[in-house]
Amino acid sequence: MPHPTKITFAETRAAGVSGVLVYCSDHRCSHWTRLNADQWPDDLRLSDVEPKFVCQACGHRGADVRPDWRSQAQASTGRALRT
């Protein structure tokens, strides 16, 4: 099944989200990380960067990249959220 085309980084930023969550695409691996999205240009789609990631835990190539809505909440409240 083909992967869906996702929103652009500009659309993510327009929603007030400054970061992304990157999940290893290997269903057996639970590794993930949170990254600042400022390094990517506005016209690039989240789905465009997914195949470029390599998991540091298992070595699998490919990831699921999603907007980090928590980064939006932190920016709007001016404080860190608890897990």
Protein backbone atom coordinates (compact mmCIF):
# COMPACT_ATOMS: atom_id res chain seq x y z
CA MET A 1 0.00 0.00 0.00
CA PRO A 2 1.46 3.42 -0.94
CA HIS A 3 2.16 5.92 1.81
CA PRO A 4 -0.11 8.97 1.90
CA THR A 5 1.15 12.37 0.81
CA LYS A 6 1.33 14.56 3.90
CA ILE A 7 1.12 18.29 4.50
CA THR A 8 4.00 20.67 3.86
CA PHE A 9 6.24 22.09 6.56
CA ALA A 10 4.72 25.52 5.75
CA GLU A 11 1.25 24.17 6.58
CA THR A 12 2.62 22.68 9.79
CA ARG A 13 4.17 26.01 10.79
CA ALA A 14 0.97 27.88 9.84
CA ALA A 15 -0.85 25.69 12.37
CA GLY A 16 1.60 26.91 15.01
CA VAL A 17 3.56 23.66 15.19
CA SER A 18 7.34 24.03 15.35
CA GLY A 19 8.37 20.39 15.66
CA VAL A 20 7.77 16.89 14.39
CA LEU A 21 7.67 13.43 15.87
CA VAL A 22 9.64 10.81 13.95
CA TYR A 23 8.69 7.16 14.50
CA CYS A 24 10.65 4.18 13.16
CA SER A 25 8.56 2.56 10.42
CA ASP A 26 9.54 -0.96 11.52
CA HIS A 27 6.51 -2.21 13.46
CA ARG A 28 8.78 -4.24 15.80
CA CYS A 29 10.76 -1.17 16.87
CA SER A 30 9.38 1.34 19.35
CA HIS A 31 12.05 4.00 18.78
CA TRP A 32 10.97 7.60 18.17
CA THR A 33 12.34 11.08 18.55
CA ARG A 34 11.14 14.69 18.65
CA LEU A 35 12.82 17.17 16.25
CA ASN A 36 12.59 20.88 15.54
CA ALA A 37 11.24 21.35 12.01
CA ASP A 38 13.00 24.65 11.26
CA GLN A 39 15.69 22.88 9.21
CA TRP A 40 13.30 21.94 6.37
CA PRO A 41 12.03 24.34 3.67
CA ASP A 42 8.38 25.39 3.55
CA ASP A 43 7.54 23.62 0.27
CA LEU A 44 8.80 20.22 1.44
CA ARG A 45 6.20 17.68 2.59
CA LEU A 46 6.55 15.60 5.75
CA SER A 47 6.17 12.50 3.55
CA ASP A 48 9.17 13.65 1.43
CA VAL A 49 11.61 13.26 4.35
CA GLU A 50 10.25 9.95 5.69
CA PRO A 51 12.36 7.62 3.50
CA LYS A 52 15.56 9.48 4.44
CA PHE A 53 15.53 8.60 8.13
CA VAL A 54 17.53 5.66 9.51
CA CYS A 55 16.59 4.40 12.96
CA GLN A 56 19.48 4.71 15.42
CA ALA A 57 18.08 1.81 17.47
CA CYS A 58 17.46 -0.90 14.84
CA GLY A 59 19.00 0.45 11.60
CA HIS A 60 15.73 0.33 9.65
CA ARG A 61 15.38 2.92 6.88
CA GLY A 62 12.13 4.86 6.74
CA ALA A 63 10.00 6.66 9.28
CA ASP A 64 6.56 8.02 9.99
CA VAL A 65 6.81 11.80 10.47
CA ARG A 66 3.95 13.64 12.17
CA PRO A 67 3.41 17.17 13.46
CA ASP A 68 4.28 17.50 17.14
CA TRP A 69 1.11 19.13 18.44
CA ARG A 70 2.69 19.26 21.86
CA SER A 71 5.17 21.84 20.55
CA GLN A 72 2.18 24.04 19.63
CA ALA A 73 0.73 23.73 23.14
CA GLN A 74 4.08 24.57 24.73
CA ALA A 75 4.46 27.67 22.57
CA SER A 76 0.96 28.91 23.30
CA THR A 77 1.20 28.43 27.07
CA GLY A 78 4.88 29.41 27.36
CA ARG A 79 5.67 26.40 29.53
CA ALA A 80 6.53 22.74 29.22
CA LEU A 81 3.81 20.12 29.47
CA ARG A 82 4.06 17.07 31.67
CA THR A 83 3.77 13.57 30.32
